[in-house]
Amino acid sequence: MYVRPAAAAAAAFLGFTLTLLGGTAASAASGPTVPSSPSGSTGPAGPAGPAGTPGLLGPVVYAHRGASAYAPENTLAAIDLAMRLGFDWVENDVQRTKDGELVVIHDDTLARTTDAEQAFPDRKPWRVKDFTAAEIATLDAGSWFGEEFAGERVPTLREYLDRVERNRQRLLLEVKKPELYPGIEKQTLQVLDEAGWLDPDHVQRRLVVQSFSADSVRLVHGLRPDLVTAFLGTPTLADLPKYAQFTDRINPWHTTISADWVAAVHDLTGAHGKAMEVDTWIVDDAATARKVQGMGVDGIITNAPDVVHQAVLGAFAF
């Protein structure tokens, strides 16, 4: 789902939000500033428990592909902006290049979010898996969104992890289209390990791995049973117990759920012996945020984390 608010409205709201936070729109785009809060902080959503469990004041807010309503998705600029807005949970998508490098990009083609069509006009349909990491590193992943982001790059997973760590953020990592990339689950875990993301602190408090592929989630759980995992989708009530055997949460599209369905998920015990959770997506407006909050969801995944945060916390926001 590709949601991008009108530029003027987004800029106006962003300016208002950053004013409340003591910043400016210019400072938000200028680069990261490491926050003074401790590594375990959760940003404005309130204290959270292990790996994204709900805050005291409402659902955990996840910045989908970073603060992607205001910066090009899945870029370092987008996660830096999420940090500056006060959000430490960011979501991303992982795919693999022709020469085996893991990169952070949503689509399995490069055309929508880079200048691949112009840079490599004879390489249609510009599939990620048909380009080397070096080729992808030359692409402009920001200008499509706004000229102020010209020169943003498609980050490698390692570059992305290092920036999330530098920002003291947390990560909801999606293994994207694993059917295209045999072995990507094991490789992703290897990169996470090399970057220091599989130590107890990260595993217990700062990392969740999800996928639309039940087989992929099951494989990740088998390889690293200590990791928190999530299945993207809306299984039937009858099928939910099957998922509870290898995952900790179910992350559905918001239009497919009801309060009764959320309660049914909560009634199940997940792979780590705790009540299963529900993080829903993609919610970008206040009315829908309040609606799913009323259904009892544990988290909300959004392109506009400031909008959702304001909606679910109201007078407690910021």
C-alpha atoms as a PDB file:
ATOM      1  CA  MET A   1       0.000   0.000   0.000  1.00  0.00           C
ATOM      2  CA  TYR A   2       1.528   3.293  -1.051  1.00  0.00           C
ATOM      3  CA  VAL A   3       0.101   6.125   1.053  1.00  0.00           C
ATOM      4  CA  ARG A   4       1.559   9.607   0.695  1.00  0.00           C
ATOM      5  CA  PRO A   5      -0.356  12.608   2.139  1.00  0.00           C
ATOM      6  CA  ALA A   6      -0.596  15.849   0.219  1.00  0.00           C
ATOM      7  CA  ALA A   7       2.728  17.628   0.534  1.00  0.00           C
ATOM      8  CA  ALA A   8       1.347  20.817   2.039  1.00  0.00           C
ATOM      9  CA  ALA A   9      -0.704  19.045   4.700  1.00  0.00           C
ATOM     10  CA  ALA A  10       2.149  16.741   5.618  1.00  0.00           C
ATOM     11  CA  ALA A  11       4.605  19.600   5.894  1.00  0.00           C
ATOM     12  CA  ALA A  12       2.216  21.619   8.028  1.00  0.00           C
ATOM     13  CA  PHE A  13       1.585  18.779  10.451  1.00  0.00           C
ATOM     14  CA  LEU A  14       5.256  17.873  10.603  1.00  0.00           C
ATOM     15  CA  GLY A  15       6.156  21.458  11.428  1.00  0.00           C
ATOM     16  CA  PHE A  16       3.586  21.505  14.230  1.00  0.00           C
ATOM     17  CA  THR A  17       4.854  18.209  15.624  1.00  0.00           C
ATOM     18  CA  LEU A  18       8.487  19.235  15.584  1.00  0.00           C
ATOM     19  CA  THR A  19       7.634  22.517  17.249  1.00  0.00           C
ATOM     20  CA  LEU A  20       6.125  20.554  20.123  1.00  0.00           C
ATOM     21  CA  LEU A  21       9.269  18.459  20.242  1.00  0.00           C
ATOM     22  CA  GLY A  22      11.514  21.513  20.236  1.00  0.00           C
ATOM     23  CA  GLY A  23      12.797  21.043  16.690  1.00  0.00           C
ATOM     24  CA  THR A  24      12.160  22.381  13.212  1.00  0.00           C
ATOM     25  CA  ALA A  25      11.406  20.929   9.831  1.00  0.00           C
ATOM     26  CA  ALA A  26      14.889  21.896   8.724  1.00  0.00           C
ATOM     27  CA  SER A  27      16.528  20.131  11.651  1.00  0.00           C
ATOM     28  CA  ALA A  28      14.485  17.014  10.924  1.00  0.00           C
ATOM     29  CA  ALA A  29      16.062  16.660   7.499  1.00  0.00           C
ATOM     30  CA  SER A  30      19.596  17.619   8.457  1.00  0.00           C
ATOM     31  CA  GLY A  31      20.786  14.306   9.908  1.00  0.00           C
ATOM     32  CA  PRO A  32      20.606  12.243  13.071  1.00  0.00           C
ATOM     33  CA  THR A  33      21.047  13.505  16.584  1.00  0.00           C
ATOM     34  CA  VAL A  34      21.470  10.758  19.125  1.00  0.00           C
ATOM     35  CA  PRO A  35      18.796  11.163  21.822  1.00  0.00           C
ATOM     36  CA  SER A  36      19.748  11.390  25.446  1.00  0.00           C
ATOM     37  CA  SER A  37      17.290   8.704  26.524  1.00  0.00           C
ATOM     38  CA  PRO A  38      18.672   5.261  27.381  1.00  0.00           C
ATOM     39  CA  SER A  39      18.912   2.445  24.897  1.00  0.00           C
ATOM     40  CA  GLY A  40      15.739   0.840  26.189  1.00  0.00           C
ATOM     41  CA  SER A  41      13.489   3.896  25.752  1.00  0.00           C
ATOM     42  CA  THR A  42      10.404   3.688  23.580  1.00  0.00           C
ATOM     43  CA  GLY A  43       9.857   7.270  22.439  1.00  0.00           C
ATOM     44  CA  PRO A  44       6.538   9.017  22.952  1.00  0.00           C
ATOM     45  CA  ALA A  45       4.465   5.850  22.949  1.00  0.00           C
ATOM     46  CA  GLY A  46       5.284   5.292  26.601  1.00  0.00           C
ATOM     47  CA  PRO A  47       7.211   2.513  28.298  1.00  0.00           C
ATOM     48  CA  ALA A  48       7.152  -0.777  26.446  1.00  0.00           C
ATOM     49  CA  GLY A  49       8.072  -4.233  27.593  1.00  0.00           C
ATOM     50  CA  PRO A  50      10.001  -6.908  25.724  1.00  0.00           C
ATOM     51  CA  ALA A  51      10.147  -6.520  21.942  1.00  0.00           C
ATOM     52  CA  GLY A  52       7.295  -4.100  21.423  1.00  0.00           C
ATOM     53  CA  THR A  53       4.713  -5.135  23.983  1.00  0.00           C
ATOM     54  CA  PRO A  54       2.114  -2.367  24.508  1.00  0.00           C
ATOM     55  CA  GLY A  55       3.051   0.840  26.285  1.00  0.00           C
ATOM     56  CA  LEU A  56       1.298   1.953  29.440  1.00  0.00           C
ATOM     57  CA  LEU A  57      -0.636   4.650  27.575  1.00  0.00           C
ATOM     58  CA  GLY A  58      -1.707   2.819  24.444  1.00  0.00           C
ATOM     59  CA  PRO A  59      -0.626   0.735  21.464  1.00  0.00           C
ATOM     60  CA  VAL A  60       3.004   0.761  20.400  1.00  0.00           C
ATOM     61  CA  VAL A  61       3.468   2.946  17.314  1.00  0.00           C
ATOM     62  CA  TYR A  62       5.743   1.572  14.577  1.00  0.00           C
ATOM     63  CA  ALA A  63       7.123   3.884  11.890  1.00  0.00           C
ATOM     64  CA  HIS A  64       6.411   1.955   8.676  1.00  0.00           C
ATOM     65  CA  ARG A  65       9.506   2.045   6.437  1.00  0.00           C
ATOM     66  CA  GLY A  66      10.561   4.898   8.718  1.00  0.00           C
ATOM     67  CA  ALA A  67       8.576   8.121   8.864  1.00  0.00           C
ATOM     68  CA  SER A  68       7.610   7.411   5.273  1.00  0.00           C
ATOM     69  CA  ALA A  69       4.809   9.969   5.028  1.00  0.00           C
ATOM     70  CA  TYR A  70       7.500  12.631   5.264  1.00  0.00           C
ATOM     71  CA  ALA A  71      10.676  11.050   3.845  1.00  0.00           C
ATOM     72  CA  PRO A  72      11.457   8.439   1.178  1.00  0.00           C
ATOM     73  CA  GLU A  73      10.576   4.996   2.491  1.00  0.00           C
ATOM     74  CA  ASN A  74      13.213   2.585   3.770  1.00  0.00           C
ATOM     75  CA  THR A  75      16.004   5.159   3.525  1.00  0.00           C
ATOM     76  CA  LEU A  76      18.285   6.266   6.327  1.00  0.00           C
ATOM     77  CA  ALA A  77      16.616   9.671   6.112  1.00  0.00           C
ATOM     78  CA  ALA A  78      13.263   8.078   6.956  1.00  0.00           C
ATOM     79  CA  ILE A  79      14.522   6.326  10.075  1.00  0.00           C
ATOM     80  CA  ASP A  80      16.446   9.407  11.174  1.00  0.00           C
ATOM     81  CA  LEU A  81      13.263  11.429  10.864  1.00  0.00           C
ATOM     82  CA  ALA A  82      11.323   8.840  12.856  1.00  0.00           C
ATOM     83  CA  MET A  83      13.928   9.195  15.587  1.00  0.00           C
ATOM     84  CA  ARG A  84      13.708  12.990  15.509  1.00  0.00           C
ATOM     85  CA  LEU A  85       9.943  12.769  15.829  1.00  0.00           C
ATOM     86  CA  GLY A  86      10.489  10.627  18.899  1.00  0.00           C
ATOM     87  CA  PHE A  87       9.719   7.145  17.582  1.00  0.00           C
ATOM     88  CA  ASP A  88      12.170   4.336  18.172  1.00  0.00           C
ATOM     89  CA  TRP A  89      10.300   1.444  16.533  1.00  0.00           C
ATOM     90  CA  VAL A  90      10.900   1.394  12.780  1.00  0.00           C
ATOM     91  CA  GLU A  91       9.799  -1.197  10.221  1.00  0.00           C
ATOM     92  CA  ASN A  92      11.691  -2.226   7.103  1.00  0.00           C
ATOM     93  CA  ASP A  93      11.746  -4.724   4.197  1.00  0.00           C
ATOM     94  CA  VAL A  94      14.684  -6.948   3.294  1.00  0.00           C
ATOM     95  CA  GLN A  95      15.481  -8.345  -0.174  1.00  0.00           C
ATOM     96  CA  ARG A  96      18.616  -9.690  -1.879  1.00  0.00           C
ATOM     97  CA  THR A  97      20.745  -8.502  -4.783  1.00  0.00           C
ATOM     98  CA  LYS A  98      22.153 -10.532  -7.662  1.00  0.00           C
ATOM     99  CA  ASP A  99      25.455 -10.950  -5.862  1.00  0.00           C
ATOM    100  CA  GLY A 100      23.939 -11.895  -2.520  1.00  0.00           C
ATOM    101  CA  GLU A 101      23.856  -8.610  -0.567  1.00  0.00           C
ATOM    102  CA  LEU A 102      20.819  -7.962   1.595  1.00  0.00           C
ATOM    103  CA  VAL A 103      19.298  -4.538   0.931  1.00  0.00           C
ATOM    104  CA  VAL A 104      16.393  -2.606   2.415  1.00  0.00           C
ATOM    105  CA  ILE A 105      13.680  -1.946  -0.154  1.00  0.00           C
ATOM    106  CA  HIS A 106       9.974  -2.754  -0.317  1.00  0.00           C
ATOM    107  CA  ASP A 107       9.298  -3.626  -3.962  1.00  0.00           C
ATOM    108  CA  ASP A 108      11.016  -6.502  -5.719  1.00  0.00           C
ATOM    109  CA  THR A 109      11.692  -4.044  -8.548  1.00  0.00           C
ATOM    110  CA  LEU A 110      13.660  -0.810  -8.363  1.00  0.00           C
ATOM    111  CA  ALA A 111      11.504   1.369 -10.607  1.00  0.00           C
ATOM    112  CA  ARG A 112       9.081   2.969  -8.158  1.00  0.00           C
ATOM    113  CA  THR A 113      11.513   4.213  -5.514  1.00  0.00           C
ATOM    114  CA  THR A 114      14.756   4.790  -7.441  1.00  0.00           C
ATOM    115  CA  ASP A 115      15.945   6.214 -10.747  1.00  0.00           C
ATOM    116  CA  ALA A 116      16.798   2.748 -12.096  1.00  0.00           C
ATOM    117  CA  GLU A 117      14.760   3.304 -15.273  1.00  0.00           C
ATOM    118  CA  GLN A 118      16.893   6.322 -16.144  1.00  0.00           C
ATOM    119  CA  ALA A 119      20.206   4.901 -14.953  1.00  0.00           C
ATOM    120  CA  PHE A 120      19.719   1.489 -16.581  1.00  0.00           C
ATOM    121  CA  PRO A 121      17.149   1.956 -19.370  1.00  0.00           C
ATOM    122  CA  ASP A 122      17.861  -1.433 -20.937  1.00  0.00           C
ATOM    123  CA  ARG A 123      17.372  -3.488 -17.747  1.00  0.00           C
ATOM    124  CA  LYS A 124      13.559  -3.660 -17.573  1.00  0.00           C
ATOM    125  CA  PRO A 125      11.772  -4.752 -15.340  1.00  0.00           C
ATOM    126  CA  TRP A 126      14.552  -3.671 -12.965  1.00  0.00           C
ATOM    127  CA  ARG A 127      14.235  -6.519 -10.472  1.00  0.00           C
ATOM    128  CA  VAL A 128      16.294  -6.178  -7.311  1.00  0.00           C
ATOM    129  CA  LYS A 129      17.613  -9.712  -7.759  1.00  0.00           C
ATOM    130  CA  ASP A 130      18.971  -8.854 -11.231  1.00  0.00           C
ATOM    131  CA  PHE A 131      21.228  -6.025 -10.023  1.00  0.00           C
ATOM    132  CA  THR A 132      24.451  -6.163  -8.040  1.00  0.00           C
ATOM    133  CA  ALA A 133      24.822  -4.342  -4.770  1.00  0.00           C
ATOM    134  CA  ALA A 134      27.318  -1.974  -6.403  1.00  0.00           C
ATOM    135  CA  GLU A 135      24.812  -1.089  -9.124  1.00  0.00           C
ATOM    136  CA  ILE A 136      22.024  -0.479  -6.631  1.00  0.00           C
ATOM    137  CA  ALA A 137      24.357   1.673  -4.525  1.00  0.00           C
ATOM    138  CA  THR A 138      24.611   4.149  -7.415  1.00  0.00           C
ATOM    139  CA  LEU A 139      20.843   4.749  -7.604  1.00  0.00           C
ATOM    140  CA  ASP A 140      19.015   7.798  -6.314  1.00  0.00           C
ATOM    141  CA  ALA A 141      16.365   6.584  -3.846  1.00  0.00           C
ATOM    142  CA  GLY A 142      15.181  10.017  -2.724  1.00  0.00           C
ATOM    143  CA  SER A 143      14.355  12.304  -5.647  1.00  0.00           C
ATOM    144  CA  TRP A 144      11.106  10.467  -6.480  1.00  0.00           C
ATOM    145  CA  PHE A 145       9.791  11.667  -3.126  1.00  0.00           C
ATOM    146  CA  GLY A 146      11.184  15.199  -3.090  1.00  0.00           C
ATOM    147  CA  GLU A 147      14.159  17.092  -4.422  1.00  0.00           C
ATOM    148  CA  GLU A 148      15.375  17.765  -0.897  1.00  0.00           C
ATOM    149  CA  PHE A 149      16.085  14.022  -0.624  1.00  0.00           C
ATOM    150  CA  ALA A 150      18.107  13.759  -3.836  1.00  0.00           C
ATOM    151  CA  GLY A 151      21.037  11.418  -3.410  1.00  0.00           C
ATOM    152  CA  GLU A 152      19.486   9.173  -0.747  1.00  0.00           C
ATOM    153  CA  ARG A 153      20.573   5.591  -1.363  1.00  0.00           C
ATOM    154  CA  VAL A 154      19.075   2.130  -0.984  1.00  0.00           C
ATOM    155  CA  PRO A 155      20.833   0.988   2.192  1.00  0.00           C
ATOM    156  CA  THR A 156      22.260  -2.448   2.712  1.00  0.00           C
ATOM    157  CA  LEU A 157      20.792  -4.272   5.676  1.00  0.00           C
ATOM    158  CA  ARG A 158      24.068  -3.840   7.546  1.00  0.00           C
ATOM    159  CA  GLU A 159      24.078  -0.078   6.910  1.00  0.00           C
ATOM    160  CA  TYR A 160      20.476   0.092   8.059  1.00  0.00           C
ATOM    161  CA  LEU A 161      21.145  -1.882  11.252  1.00  0.00           C
ATOM    162  CA  ASP A 162      24.111   0.317  12.082  1.00  0.00           C
ATOM    163  CA  ARG A 163      21.990   3.459  11.733  1.00  0.00           C
ATOM    164  CA  VAL A 164      19.142   2.037  13.819  1.00  0.00           C
ATOM    165  CA  GLU A 165      21.708   1.149  16.467  1.00  0.00           C
ATOM    166  CA  ARG A 166      23.270   4.616  16.296  1.00  0.00           C
ATOM    167  CA  ASN A 167      19.816   6.137  16.755  1.00  0.00           C
ATOM    168  CA  ARG A 168      19.059   3.783  19.667  1.00  0.00           C
ATOM    169  CA  GLN A 169      15.970   2.588  17.859  1.00  0.00           C
ATOM    170  CA  ARG A 170      14.234  -0.785  17.599  1.00  0.00           C
ATOM    171  CA  LEU A 171      13.443  -2.813  14.514  1.00  0.00           C
ATOM    172  CA  LEU A 172      10.451  -4.633  13.075  1.00  0.00           C
ATOM    173  CA  LEU A 173      12.175  -6.456  10.213  1.00  0.00           C
ATOM    174  CA  GLU A 174      10.186  -7.982   7.360  1.00  0.00           C
ATOM    175  CA  VAL A 175      11.656 -10.796   5.323  1.00  0.00           C
ATOM    176  CA  LYS A 176      10.221  -9.778   1.944  1.00  0.00           C
ATOM    177  CA  LYS A 177       9.127 -12.346  -0.663  1.00  0.00           C
ATOM    178  CA  PRO A 178      11.328 -15.174   0.632  1.00  0.00           C
ATOM    179  CA  GLU A 179      10.150 -17.362  -2.247  1.00  0.00           C
ATOM    180  CA  LEU A 180      12.374 -15.239  -4.505  1.00  0.00           C
ATOM    181  CA  TYR A 181      15.443 -15.602  -2.315  1.00  0.00           C
ATOM    182  CA  PRO A 182      16.106 -19.144  -1.054  1.00  0.00           C
ATOM    183  CA  GLY A 183      17.962 -19.089   2.243  1.00  0.00           C
ATOM    184  CA  ILE A 184      17.262 -15.420   2.984  1.00  0.00           C
ATOM    185  CA  GLU A 185      16.074 -16.211   6.500  1.00  0.00           C
ATOM    186  CA  LYS A 186      19.392 -17.777   7.525  1.00  0.00           C
ATOM    187  CA  GLN A 187      21.335 -15.011   5.787  1.00  0.00           C
ATOM    188  CA  THR A 188      19.291 -12.311   7.522  1.00  0.00           C
ATOM    189  CA  LEU A 189      20.021 -13.883  10.891  1.00  0.00           C
ATOM    190  CA  GLN A 190      23.709 -14.013   9.988  1.00  0.00           C
ATOM    191  CA  VAL A 191      23.788 -10.288   9.201  1.00  0.00           C
ATOM    192  CA  LEU A 192      21.857  -9.532  12.381  1.00  0.00           C
ATOM    193  CA  ASP A 193      24.377 -11.561  14.355  1.00  0.00           C
ATOM    194  CA  GLU A 194      27.378  -9.889  12.719  1.00  0.00           C
ATOM    195  CA  ALA A 195      25.887  -6.482  13.514  1.00  0.00           C
ATOM    196  CA  GLY A 196      25.405  -7.387  17.172  1.00  0.00           C
ATOM    197  CA  TRP A 197      21.632  -7.637  16.953  1.00  0.00           C
ATOM    198  CA  LEU A 198      21.228 -11.163  18.326  1.00  0.00           C
ATOM    199  CA  ASP A 199      22.499 -10.489  21.817  1.00  0.00           C
ATOM    200  CA  PRO A 200      19.989 -10.778  24.696  1.00  0.00           C
ATOM    201  CA  ASP A 201      19.189  -7.045  24.830  1.00  0.00           C
ATOM    202  CA  HIS A 202      18.269  -6.807  21.154  1.00  0.00           C
ATOM    203  CA  VAL A 203      16.463 -10.145  21.056  1.00  0.00           C
ATOM    204  CA  GLN A 204      14.378  -9.449  24.147  1.00  0.00           C
ATOM    205  CA  ARG A 205      13.617  -5.765  23.673  1.00  0.00           C
ATOM    206  CA  ARG A 206      14.581  -4.378  20.282  1.00  0.00           C
ATOM    207  CA  LEU A 207      13.874  -6.834  17.461  1.00  0.00           C
ATOM    208  CA  VAL A 208      10.877  -8.540  15.861  1.00  0.00           C
ATOM    209  CA  VAL A 209      11.071 -10.530  12.597  1.00  0.00           C
ATOM    210  CA  GLN A 210       7.947 -10.836  10.451  1.00  0.00           C
ATOM    211  CA  SER A 211       6.847 -12.107   7.045  1.00  0.00           C
ATOM    212  CA  PHE A 212       3.766 -12.754   4.931  1.00  0.00           C
ATOM    213  CA  SER A 213       5.129 -16.286   4.494  1.00  0.00           C
ATOM    214  CA  ALA A 214       4.148 -18.643   7.300  1.00  0.00           C
ATOM    215  CA  ASP A 215       6.916 -21.008   6.189  1.00  0.00           C
ATOM    216  CA  SER A 216       9.460 -18.206   6.500  1.00  0.00           C
ATOM    217  CA  VAL A 217       8.291 -17.258   9.996  1.00  0.00           C
ATOM    218  CA  ARG A 218       8.346 -20.925  11.011  1.00  0.00           C
ATOM    219  CA  LEU A 219      11.893 -21.249   9.679  1.00  0.00           C
ATOM    220  CA  VAL A 220      13.126 -18.179  11.556  1.00  0.00           C
ATOM    221  CA  HIS A 221      11.576 -19.540  14.744  1.00  0.00           C
ATOM    222  CA  GLY A 222      13.284 -22.876  14.163  1.00  0.00           C
ATOM    223  CA  LEU A 223      16.677 -21.270  13.585  1.00  0.00           C
ATOM    224  CA  ARG A 224      16.396 -18.830  16.506  1.00  0.00           C
ATOM    225  CA  PRO A 225      13.666 -19.917  18.928  1.00  0.00           C
ATOM    226  CA  ASP A 226      14.478 -16.982  21.208  1.00  0.00           C
ATOM    227  CA  LEU A 227      13.456 -14.375  18.614  1.00  0.00           C
ATOM    228  CA  VAL A 228      10.052 -12.702  18.667  1.00  0.00           C
ATOM    229  CA  THR A 229       8.322 -13.359  15.350  1.00  0.00           C
ATOM    230  CA  ALA A 230       5.127 -12.187  13.656  1.00  0.00           C
ATOM    231  CA  PHE A 231       2.987 -13.438  10.801  1.00  0.00           C
ATOM    232  CA  LEU A 232       1.601 -10.815   8.428  1.00  0.00           C
ATOM    233  CA  GLY A 233      -1.974 -11.675   7.563  1.00  0.00           C
ATOM    234  CA  THR A 234      -5.381 -12.501   9.014  1.00  0.00           C
ATOM    235  CA  PRO A 235      -5.749 -16.224   9.624  1.00  0.00           C
ATOM    236  CA  THR A 236      -9.207 -17.609  10.294  1.00  0.00           C
ATOM    237  CA  LEU A 237     -10.203 -18.235  13.882  1.00  0.00           C
ATOM    238  CA  ALA A 238      -9.949 -21.965  13.246  1.00  0.00           C
ATOM    239  CA  ASP A 239      -6.373 -21.646  11.960  1.00  0.00           C
ATOM    240  CA  LEU A 240      -5.019 -19.310  14.646  1.00  0.00           C
ATOM    241  CA  PRO A 241      -3.863 -22.124  16.987  1.00  0.00           C
ATOM    242  CA  LYS A 242      -1.564 -23.440  14.240  1.00  0.00           C
ATOM    243  CA  TYR A 243       0.262 -20.094  14.104  1.00  0.00           C
ATOM    244  CA  ALA A 244       0.614 -19.961  17.871  1.00  0.00           C
ATOM    245  CA  GLN A 245       3.008 -22.895  17.630  1.00  0.00           C
ATOM    246  CA  PHE A 246       5.745 -20.872  15.909  1.00  0.00           C
ATOM    247  CA  THR A 247       4.990 -17.179  16.274  1.00  0.00           C
ATOM    248  CA  ASP A 248       4.218 -14.605  18.945  1.00  0.00           C
ATOM    249  CA  ARG A 249       1.917 -12.222  17.134  1.00  0.00           C
ATOM    250  CA  ILE A 250      -0.360 -11.829  14.154  1.00  0.00           C
ATOM    251  CA  ASN A 251      -0.050  -8.589  12.183  1.00  0.00           C
ATOM    252  CA  PRO A 252      -3.120  -8.022   9.968  1.00  0.00           C
ATOM    253  CA  TRP A 253      -4.322  -5.323   7.610  1.00  0.00           C
ATOM    254  CA  HIS A 254      -6.631  -3.103   9.639  1.00  0.00           C
ATOM    255  CA  THR A 255      -9.662  -3.568   7.379  1.00  0.00           C
ATOM    256  CA  THR A 256      -9.704  -7.326   7.997  1.00  0.00           C
ATOM    257  CA  ILE A 257     -10.101  -7.397  11.780  1.00  0.00           C
ATOM    258  CA  SER A 258     -12.713  -6.958  14.497  1.00  0.00           C
ATOM    259  CA  ALA A 259     -12.619  -6.682  18.274  1.00  0.00           C
ATOM    260  CA  ASP A 260     -13.701 -10.318  18.539  1.00  0.00           C
ATOM    261  CA  TRP A 261     -10.885 -11.451  16.243  1.00  0.00           C
ATOM    262  CA  VAL A 262      -8.303  -9.475  18.242  1.00  0.00           C
ATOM    263  CA  ALA A 263      -9.649 -10.996  21.459  1.00  0.00           C
ATOM    264  CA  ALA A 264      -9.360 -14.469  19.943  1.00  0.00           C
ATOM    265  CA  VAL A 265      -5.679 -13.861  19.183  1.00  0.00           C
ATOM    266  CA  HIS A 266      -5.108 -12.581  22.722  1.00  0.00           C
ATOM    267  CA  ASP A 267      -6.693 -15.745  24.116  1.00  0.00           C
ATOM    268  CA  LEU A 268      -3.959 -17.873  22.545  1.00  0.00           C
ATOM    269  CA  THR A 269      -0.546 -18.584  24.014  1.00  0.00           C
ATOM    270  CA  GLY A 270       2.235 -17.940  21.532  1.00  0.00           C
ATOM    271  CA  ALA A 271       5.575 -19.600  20.891  1.00  0.00           C
ATOM    272  CA  HIS A 272       7.174 -18.024  23.966  1.00  0.00           C
ATOM    273  CA  GLY A 273       4.435 -18.949  26.399  1.00  0.00           C
ATOM    274  CA  LYS A 274       2.797 -15.521  26.498  1.00  0.00           C
ATOM    275  CA  ALA A 275      -0.491 -14.195  25.172  1.00  0.00           C
ATOM    276  CA  MET A 276      -0.283 -13.537  21.463  1.00  0.00           C
ATOM    277  CA  GLU A 277      -0.390  -9.939  20.244  1.00  0.00           C
ATOM    278  CA  VAL A 278      -1.790  -7.996  17.287  1.00  0.00           C
ATOM    279  CA  ASP A 279       0.016  -5.169  15.460  1.00  0.00           C
ATOM    280  CA  THR A 280      -2.138  -3.832  12.626  1.00  0.00           C
ATOM    281  CA  TRP A 281      -1.213  -1.954   9.446  1.00  0.00           C
ATOM    282  CA  ILE A 282      -1.303   0.479   7.604  1.00  0.00           C
ATOM    283  CA  VAL A 283      -3.110   3.126   9.663  1.00  0.00           C
ATOM    284  CA  ASP A 284      -2.403   6.746   8.747  1.00  0.00           C
ATOM    285  CA  ASP A 285      -5.404   8.733   9.985  1.00  0.00           C
ATOM    286  CA  ALA A 286      -6.672   9.582  13.439  1.00  0.00           C
ATOM    287  CA  ALA A 287     -10.141   8.069  13.086  1.00  0.00           C
ATOM    288  CA  THR A 288      -8.844   4.662  12.033  1.00  0.00           C
ATOM    289  CA  ALA A 289      -6.157   4.755  14.715  1.00  0.00           C
ATOM    290  CA  ARG A 290      -8.785   5.292  17.398  1.00  0.00           C
ATOM    291  CA  LYS A 291     -10.981   2.591  15.839  1.00  0.00           C
ATOM    292  CA  VAL A 292      -8.306  -0.119  15.983  1.00  0.00           C
ATOM    293  CA  GLN A 293      -7.243   1.051  19.416  1.00  0.00           C
ATOM    294  CA  GLY A 294     -10.829   0.397  20.495  1.00  0.00           C
ATOM    295  CA  MET A 295     -10.526  -3.130  19.106  1.00  0.00           C
ATOM    296  CA  GLY A 296      -7.676  -3.743  21.533  1.00  0.00           C
ATOM    297  CA  VAL A 297      -4.682  -3.981  19.190  1.00  0.00           C
ATOM    298  CA  ASP A 298      -1.250  -3.988  20.770  1.00  0.00           C
ATOM    299  CA  GLY A 299       0.522  -1.984  18.069  1.00  0.00           C
ATOM    300  CA  ILE A 300      -0.162   0.209  15.057  1.00  0.00           C
ATOM    301  CA  ILE A 301       2.141   0.267  12.036  1.00  0.00           C
ATOM    302  CA  THR A 302       1.930   3.598  10.227  1.00  0.00           C
ATOM    303  CA  ASN A 303       3.576   5.858   7.668  1.00  0.00           C
ATOM    304  CA  ALA A 304       2.602   8.867   9.821  1.00  0.00           C
ATOM    305  CA  PRO A 305       3.575   7.925  13.377  1.00  0.00           C
ATOM    306  CA  ASP A 306       2.984  11.419  14.739  1.00  0.00           C
ATOM    307  CA  VAL A 307      -0.633  11.414  13.520  1.00  0.00           C
ATOM    308  CA  VAL A 308      -1.354   8.015  15.068  1.00  0.00           C
ATOM    309  CA  HIS A 309       0.468   8.855  18.287  1.00  0.00           C
ATOM    310  CA  GLN A 310      -1.562  12.033  18.737  1.00  0.00           C
ATOM    311  CA  ALA A 311      -4.779  10.138  18.027  1.00  0.00           C
ATOM    312  CA  VAL A 312      -4.298   7.264  20.453  1.00  0.00           C
ATOM    313  CA  LEU A 313      -2.803   9.257  23.310  1.00  0.00           C
ATOM    314  CA  GLY A 314      -4.744  12.517  22.962  1.00  0.00           C
ATOM    315  CA  ALA A 315      -3.903  14.808  25.883  1.00  0.00           C
ATOM    316  CA  PHE A 316      -1.066  12.473  26.931  1.00  0.00           C
ATOM    317  CA  ALA A 317       0.752  12.873  23.584  1.00  0.00           C
ATOM    318  CA  PHE A 318       4.290  14.234  23.791  1.00  0.00           C
END
